[in-house]
Amino acid sequence: MGSILYPWLDEAWQRLNAYLVAQRLPQALLIHGADGIGKTHLAETFAQRLLCKNPEAFACGDCAGCRLFLAGTHPDFLRIEPVERGKPIAVDAIRHLIANLALKPQYGGYRIVVFCAAHQLNINAANALLKTLEEPGENTVMLLLTDSPSALPATIFSRCQRLSIPLPDNAIATRWLEAQRTGKATDVLLAVARCAPLKALALADSDAVEQRRTAFSECVDVVFRRQEPVSLAERWSTLAHEDLVGWMVSWTIDLIRLRSLPDCPHLDNSDLREGLQALAGRLHLKSLFGFFDLLLRAKRALNGQANRQLLLEELLIHWAQLGRSPQTEWDYHEC
């Protein structure tokens, strides 16, 4: 493979290789970081390195193990993931995995299991996995990937070693994104993607930039009572709820910055500075912190069985009330 593609993953890659050098490879490793930061790429690059017959710094790319891996047919590489975004990983998938792990690796080396969106394990699936996490079998490595580690059951979390992948420095992310020649302003793309470079690149060919700008304008209208929150929630119902809540988290962080320091030089949403400053001037800091807590609870609810339409309505109703009372009590009820 030559070299790892994304420069901000170098430190995580060095740590994975340190496990190998020390011959202390974790049987269950939780890799967590923001959506769009490259967790899957890192896990698959490492999996290929483990399955390669002639590895050096990376997999050779030419041996039988590498060819099978690159073709997606290596029998000792297993992937567990939701059947569709937002859906849980059901217990049947774990039972099938356990049956596979009862057999010896077909090529006599490592066997790697990658769990994409591990936080989507439902309670039955998580319980079924516990013993396997503790005793996965000889030369079996389980890599659990998540952007919501707090949503994992404590029983799963406590059985894993952990590798955190932080968001890259803004300068590194900007240089990398500019090298991809998207034709769009990198600062705006990174703002839409909440600083995750791979997500920013994926959004370059979408209408997400305009969707975010429109959504922000509509949120401003709600605060200034030019728009009804319930009717806006209905219009938003066709958009990705995770993105909408993520954008609101980012806007709220910037509003807290501006409310604390009106001339704050750094904003995550610098292209929206004028509108954010107009809002910050009429919002109470205490209410902003309360709304931020509400947003974090809403993000967790999106990983479950929440009624998404009601969730949006509650968020926007509370958003509409932000500037009216510094004593607002925030009480989000999961639906």
Protein backbone atom coordinates (compact mmCIF):
# COMPACT_ATOMS: atom_id res chain seq x y z
CA MET A 1 0.00 0.00 0.00
CA GLY A 2 3.00 2.29 0.21
CA SER A 3 1.96 4.76 2.88
CA ILE A 4 -1.12 5.64 4.83
CA LEU A 5 -3.28 8.10 2.92
CA TYR A 6 -4.31 10.58 5.60
CA PRO A 7 -1.60 12.48 7.50
CA TRP A 8 -3.69 13.02 10.63
CA LEU A 9 -3.81 9.24 11.19
CA ASP A 10 -0.04 8.86 11.54
CA GLU A 11 -0.02 8.91 15.33
CA ALA A 12 -2.82 6.32 15.56
CA TRP A 13 -1.01 4.13 12.99
CA GLN A 14 2.21 4.29 15.03
CA ARG A 15 0.33 3.19 18.12
CA LEU A 16 -1.20 0.22 16.30
CA ASN A 17 2.21 -0.84 15.08
CA ALA A 18 3.64 -0.42 18.58
CA TYR A 19 1.19 -3.09 19.74
CA LEU A 20 2.66 -5.43 17.13
CA VAL A 21 6.28 -4.66 18.00
CA ALA A 22 5.57 -5.29 21.69
CA GLN A 23 3.55 -8.41 20.79
CA ARG A 24 0.69 -7.05 22.88
CA LEU A 25 -2.00 -6.71 20.22
CA PRO A 26 -5.38 -6.08 21.93
CA GLN A 27 -8.02 -8.72 21.31
CA ALA A 28 -10.70 -6.01 21.48
CA LEU A 29 -9.80 -2.44 20.51
CA LEU A 30 -12.30 0.41 20.46
CA ILE A 31 -11.31 3.02 17.85
CA HIS A 32 -13.34 6.18 18.32
CA GLY A 33 -13.41 9.59 16.69
CA ALA A 34 -15.67 11.89 14.71
CA ASP A 35 -17.64 10.69 11.72
CA GLY A 36 -15.56 11.31 8.59
CA ILE A 37 -12.14 11.19 10.23
CA GLY A 38 -11.01 7.90 8.68
CA LYS A 39 -11.61 5.23 11.35
CA THR A 40 -12.68 2.64 8.78
CA HIS A 41 -9.68 3.39 6.57
CA LEU A 42 -7.34 3.02 9.54
CA ALA A 43 -8.92 -0.26 10.65
CA GLU A 44 -8.88 -1.76 7.15
CA THR A 45 -5.30 -0.67 6.52
CA PHE A 46 -4.27 -2.35 9.76
CA ALA A 47 -6.33 -5.44 8.97
CA GLN A 48 -4.57 -5.79 5.62
CA ARG A 49 -1.23 -5.34 7.38
CA LEU A 50 -2.09 -8.23 9.71
CA LEU A 51 -3.24 -10.49 6.86
CA CYS A 52 -0.28 -9.70 4.59
CA LYS A 53 2.29 -12.47 4.07
CA ASN A 54 5.17 -10.03 3.48
CA PRO A 55 4.49 -6.96 5.60
CA GLU A 56 6.96 -4.17 6.22
CA ALA A 57 5.77 -0.75 7.36
CA PHE A 58 2.50 -1.50 5.53
CA ALA A 59 1.01 -4.45 3.69
CA CYS A 60 2.89 -5.39 0.53
CA GLY A 61 -0.21 -5.26 -1.70
CA ASP A 62 0.99 -8.18 -3.86
CA CYS A 63 0.80 -11.39 -1.82
CA ALA A 64 -2.14 -13.79 -1.84
CA GLY A 65 -3.45 -12.36 1.42
CA CYS A 66 -3.37 -8.80 0.09
CA ARG A 67 -5.01 -9.76 -3.19
CA LEU A 68 -7.85 -11.53 -1.37
CA PHE A 69 -8.26 -8.58 1.01
CA LEU A 70 -8.33 -5.99 -1.79
CA ALA A 71 -10.87 -8.10 -3.66
CA GLY A 72 -13.06 -8.21 -0.56
CA THR A 73 -12.93 -12.00 -0.39
CA HIS A 74 -10.45 -12.76 2.39
CA PRO A 75 -12.15 -15.40 4.56
CA ASP A 76 -10.34 -14.25 7.70
CA PHE A 77 -11.58 -10.66 7.47
CA LEU A 78 -15.10 -10.16 8.81
CA ARG A 79 -17.18 -6.98 8.90
CA ILE A 80 -20.20 -6.37 11.14
CA GLU A 81 -22.31 -3.29 10.39
CA PRO A 82 -25.91 -2.05 10.38
CA VAL A 83 -27.92 -3.08 7.32
CA GLU A 84 -28.65 0.62 6.79
CA ARG A 85 -27.66 3.89 8.43
CA GLY A 86 -29.36 4.46 11.74
CA LYS A 87 -30.54 0.85 12.06
CA PRO A 88 -29.30 -1.35 14.91
CA ILE A 89 -26.91 -4.28 14.62
CA ALA A 90 -29.18 -7.19 15.54
CA VAL A 91 -28.37 -10.26 17.58
CA ASP A 92 -28.57 -12.57 14.53
CA ALA A 93 -25.46 -10.90 13.08
CA ILE A 94 -23.56 -11.59 16.31
CA ARG A 95 -24.74 -15.21 16.45
CA HIS A 96 -23.52 -15.71 12.89
CA LEU A 97 -20.18 -14.13 13.84
CA ILE A 98 -19.80 -16.40 16.88
CA ALA A 99 -20.41 -19.44 14.68
CA ASN A 100 -17.68 -18.25 12.28
CA LEU A 101 -15.22 -17.62 15.09
CA ALA A 102 -15.71 -21.18 16.34
CA LEU A 103 -13.76 -22.30 13.25
CA LYS A 104 -10.01 -21.87 12.85
CA PRO A 105 -8.70 -19.09 10.56
CA GLN A 106 -8.56 -20.51 7.05
CA TYR A 107 -5.10 -19.10 6.32
CA GLY A 108 -3.62 -19.96 9.69
CA GLY A 109 -2.75 -16.38 10.66
CA TYR A 110 -4.76 -13.54 12.14
CA ARG A 111 -8.51 -13.22 11.89
CA ILE A 112 -9.86 -9.67 12.08
CA VAL A 113 -13.39 -8.55 12.84
CA VAL A 114 -14.30 -4.90 12.20
CA PHE A 115 -17.48 -3.56 13.79
CA CYS A 116 -18.60 -0.46 11.88
CA ALA A 117 -20.85 1.83 13.99
CA ALA A 118 -20.39 -0.37 17.05
CA HIS A 119 -22.68 1.91 19.07
CA GLN A 120 -25.54 0.57 16.95
CA LEU A 121 -25.36 -2.84 18.66
CA ASN A 122 -28.78 -3.39 20.21
CA ILE A 123 -28.95 -4.67 23.76
CA ASN A 124 -29.39 -8.31 22.77
CA ALA A 125 -26.52 -8.14 20.29
CA ALA A 126 -24.28 -6.46 22.86
CA ASN A 127 -25.06 -9.10 25.48
CA ALA A 128 -24.41 -11.90 23.00
CA LEU A 129 -21.02 -10.40 22.17
CA LEU A 130 -19.67 -10.10 25.72
CA LYS A 131 -18.11 -13.54 26.10
CA THR A 132 -16.58 -13.33 22.62
CA LEU A 133 -14.98 -9.99 23.48
CA GLU A 134 -13.38 -11.57 26.53
CA GLU A 135 -12.31 -14.76 24.74
CA PRO A 136 -12.33 -14.15 20.97
CA GLY A 137 -9.98 -17.02 20.21
CA GLU A 138 -6.32 -17.26 19.34
CA ASN A 139 -5.03 -14.66 16.84
CA THR A 140 -8.46 -13.03 16.61
CA VAL A 141 -8.50 -9.22 16.69
CA MET A 142 -11.76 -7.32 17.11
CA LEU A 143 -11.79 -3.64 16.08
CA LEU A 144 -14.87 -1.73 17.19
CA LEU A 145 -15.37 1.62 15.43
CA THR A 146 -17.63 4.37 16.72
CA ASP A 147 -18.17 8.10 16.65
CA SER A 148 -20.37 7.82 19.78
CA PRO A 149 -18.40 5.92 22.44
CA SER A 150 -20.75 7.15 25.17
CA ALA A 151 -23.61 5.34 23.40
CA LEU A 152 -21.92 1.96 23.82
CA PRO A 153 -23.16 -0.24 26.66
CA ALA A 154 -20.79 -0.04 29.63
CA THR A 155 -20.34 -3.80 29.43
CA ILE A 156 -18.86 -3.45 25.93
CA PHE A 157 -16.86 -0.30 26.66
CA SER A 158 -15.16 -1.79 29.72
CA ARG A 159 -13.99 -4.88 27.81
CA CYS A 160 -12.07 -2.93 25.16
CA GLN A 161 -8.78 -1.14 25.04
CA ARG A 162 -9.26 2.27 23.46
CA LEU A 163 -7.67 4.30 20.70
CA SER A 164 -8.94 7.85 20.30
CA ILE A 165 -8.51 9.68 16.99
CA PRO A 166 -8.81 13.44 17.50
CA LEU A 167 -9.89 15.83 14.81
CA PRO A 168 -6.85 17.11 12.90
CA ASP A 169 -5.38 20.55 13.34
CA ASN A 170 -7.27 22.95 11.11
CA ALA A 171 -4.15 23.78 9.07
CA ILE A 172 -3.50 20.09 8.34
CA ALA A 173 -7.11 19.47 7.36
CA THR A 174 -7.16 22.58 5.16
CA ARG A 175 -3.94 21.67 3.33
CA TRP A 176 -5.16 18.14 2.67
CA LEU A 177 -8.57 19.29 1.47
CA GLU A 178 -7.06 21.94 -0.79
CA ALA A 179 -4.85 19.25 -2.36
CA GLN A 180 -8.02 17.38 -3.37
CA ARG A 181 -9.00 20.35 -5.58
CA THR A 182 -12.71 20.33 -4.73
CA GLY A 183 -13.24 23.77 -6.24
CA LYS A 184 -15.03 24.94 -3.09
CA ALA A 185 -13.91 27.01 -0.10
CA THR A 186 -12.24 24.59 2.30
CA ASP A 187 -13.23 26.56 5.41
CA VAL A 188 -16.90 26.27 4.51
CA LEU A 189 -16.64 22.56 3.68
CA LEU A 190 -14.88 21.88 6.98
CA ALA A 191 -17.52 23.89 8.84
CA VAL A 192 -20.31 21.86 7.23
CA ALA A 193 -18.47 18.63 8.07
CA ARG A 194 -17.66 19.81 11.61
CA CYS A 195 -13.89 19.69 10.87
CA ALA A 196 -13.85 16.05 9.67
CA PRO A 197 -11.78 16.08 6.43
CA LEU A 198 -13.20 12.95 4.76
CA LYS A 199 -16.74 14.07 5.41
CA ALA A 200 -15.86 17.49 4.02
CA LEU A 201 -14.55 15.87 0.83
CA ALA A 202 -17.67 13.73 0.48
CA LEU A 203 -19.85 16.84 0.83
CA ALA A 204 -17.99 18.76 -1.87
CA ASP A 205 -20.19 17.30 -4.61
CA SER A 206 -23.42 17.58 -2.66
CA ASP A 207 -25.78 20.44 -1.85
CA ALA A 208 -24.97 20.20 1.88
CA VAL A 209 -23.25 23.60 1.93
CA GLU A 210 -26.38 25.32 0.68
CA GLN A 211 -28.60 23.18 2.94
CA ARG A 212 -26.59 24.26 5.98
CA ARG A 213 -26.71 27.92 5.02
CA THR A 214 -30.46 27.74 4.45
CA ALA A 215 -30.98 25.87 7.72
CA PHE A 216 -29.05 28.52 9.61
CA SER A 217 -31.06 31.31 8.01
CA GLU A 218 -34.26 29.52 9.00
CA CYS A 219 -33.00 29.14 12.58
CA VAL A 220 -32.34 32.87 12.71
CA ASP A 221 -35.90 33.46 11.53
CA VAL A 222 -37.21 31.22 14.32
CA VAL A 223 -35.39 33.25 17.00
CA PHE A 224 -36.69 36.50 15.50
CA ARG A 225 -40.21 35.01 15.31
CA ARG A 226 -40.37 35.18 11.53
CA GLN A 227 -40.80 31.41 11.34
CA GLU A 228 -42.79 28.87 13.35
CA PRO A 229 -40.61 26.10 14.86
CA VAL A 230 -43.10 23.28 14.26
CA SER A 231 -43.58 24.12 10.59
CA LEU A 232 -39.81 24.36 10.15
CA ALA A 233 -39.36 20.93 11.78
CA GLU A 234 -41.81 19.55 9.23
CA ARG A 235 -39.78 21.01 6.34
CA TRP A 236 -36.58 19.64 7.87
CA SER A 237 -38.02 16.13 8.07
CA THR A 238 -36.52 15.17 4.69
CA LEU A 239 -32.98 16.19 5.70
CA ALA A 240 -30.46 14.07 7.60
CA HIS A 241 -31.30 14.57 11.27
CA GLU A 242 -27.75 13.77 12.39
CA ASP A 243 -26.42 16.58 10.20
CA LEU A 244 -29.04 19.07 11.39
CA VAL A 245 -28.35 18.39 15.06
CA GLY A 246 -24.60 18.45 14.41
CA TRP A 247 -24.87 21.84 12.73
CA MET A 248 -26.91 23.19 15.64
CA VAL A 249 -24.25 21.93 18.06
CA SER A 250 -21.59 23.77 16.07
CA TRP A 251 -23.63 26.99 15.89
CA THR A 252 -24.34 26.87 19.61
CA ILE A 253 -20.63 26.47 20.43
CA ASP A 254 -19.88 29.55 18.29
CA LEU A 255 -22.71 31.48 19.96
CA ILE A 256 -21.27 30.67 23.39
CA ARG A 257 -17.89 31.93 22.18
CA LEU A 258 -19.38 35.16 20.86
CA ARG A 259 -21.53 35.70 23.94
CA SER A 260 -18.40 35.34 26.08
CA LEU A 261 -16.08 37.28 23.74
CA PRO A 262 -17.92 39.35 21.12
CA ASP A 263 -14.81 39.73 18.95
CA CYS A 264 -13.79 36.08 19.23
CA PRO A 265 -11.24 35.59 16.41
CA HIS A 266 -11.95 31.89 15.83
CA LEU A 267 -15.34 30.49 14.92
CA ASP A 268 -16.04 27.04 13.51
CA ASN A 269 -18.59 28.69 11.22
CA SER A 270 -16.69 31.76 10.13
CA ASP A 271 -18.81 32.15 6.99
CA LEU A 272 -21.86 32.65 9.23
CA ARG A 273 -20.21 35.17 11.56
CA GLU A 274 -22.56 38.06 10.76
CA GLY A 275 -25.68 36.04 11.50
CA LEU A 276 -24.13 34.45 14.59
CA GLN A 277 -23.18 37.86 15.97
CA ALA A 278 -26.72 39.13 15.43
CA LEU A 279 -28.04 36.16 17.39
CA ALA A 280 -25.43 36.29 20.15
CA GLY A 281 -26.41 39.85 21.00
CA ARG A 282 -29.86 38.78 22.15
CA LEU A 283 -29.23 35.32 23.63
CA HIS A 284 -28.48 34.54 27.26
CA LEU A 285 -25.31 32.59 28.05
CA LYS A 286 -27.03 30.39 30.64
CA SER A 287 -29.74 29.48 28.15
CA LEU A 288 -27.13 28.67 25.49
CA PHE A 289 -25.39 26.23 27.83
CA GLY A 290 -28.74 24.66 28.66
CA PHE A 291 -29.57 24.30 24.98
CA PHE A 292 -26.14 22.79 24.31
CA ASP A 293 -26.86 20.08 26.90
CA LEU A 294 -30.21 19.49 25.23
CA LEU A 295 -28.50 19.04 21.85
CA LEU A 296 -26.06 16.48 23.26
CA ARG A 297 -28.96 14.47 24.66
CA ALA A 298 -30.70 14.71 21.31
CA LYS A 299 -27.58 13.36 19.56
CA ARG A 300 -27.63 10.36 21.86
CA ALA A 301 -31.35 9.87 21.25
CA LEU A 302 -30.73 9.69 17.49
CA ASN A 303 -28.73 6.51 18.11
CA GLY A 304 -31.82 4.89 19.59
CA GLN A 305 -35.47 4.62 18.71
CA ALA A 306 -36.41 8.28 19.21
CA ASN A 307 -39.28 9.78 17.24
CA ARG A 308 -37.11 11.97 15.04
CA GLN A 309 -39.84 14.37 14.00
CA LEU A 310 -40.81 15.09 17.61
CA LEU A 311 -37.14 15.47 18.48
CA LEU A 312 -36.72 18.20 15.85
CA GLU A 313 -39.88 19.93 17.01
CA GLU A 314 -38.70 20.00 20.64
CA LEU A 315 -35.28 21.31 19.64
CA LEU A 316 -36.70 24.11 17.52
CA ILE A 317 -39.30 25.08 20.12
CA HIS A 318 -36.54 25.42 22.73
CA TRP A 319 -34.36 27.24 20.17
CA ALA A 320 -37.19 29.74 19.63
CA GLN A 321 -37.25 30.43 23.37
CA LEU A 322 -33.49 31.00 23.74
CA GLY A 323 -33.59 34.77 23.87
CA ARG A 324 -36.65 35.12 26.08
CA SER A 325 -35.56 34.03 29.54
CA PRO A 326 -32.20 33.34 31.16
CA GLN A 327 -33.95 31.00 33.62
CA THR A 328 -35.30 28.53 31.07
CA GLU A 329 -35.39 24.98 32.39
CA TRP A 330 -34.33 22.42 29.79
CA ASP A 331 -36.13 19.11 30.04
CA TYR A 332 -35.77 16.97 26.93
CA HIS A 333 -38.02 13.91 26.96
CA GLU A 334 -36.81 11.13 24.68
CA CYS A 335 -39.62 9.94 22.50
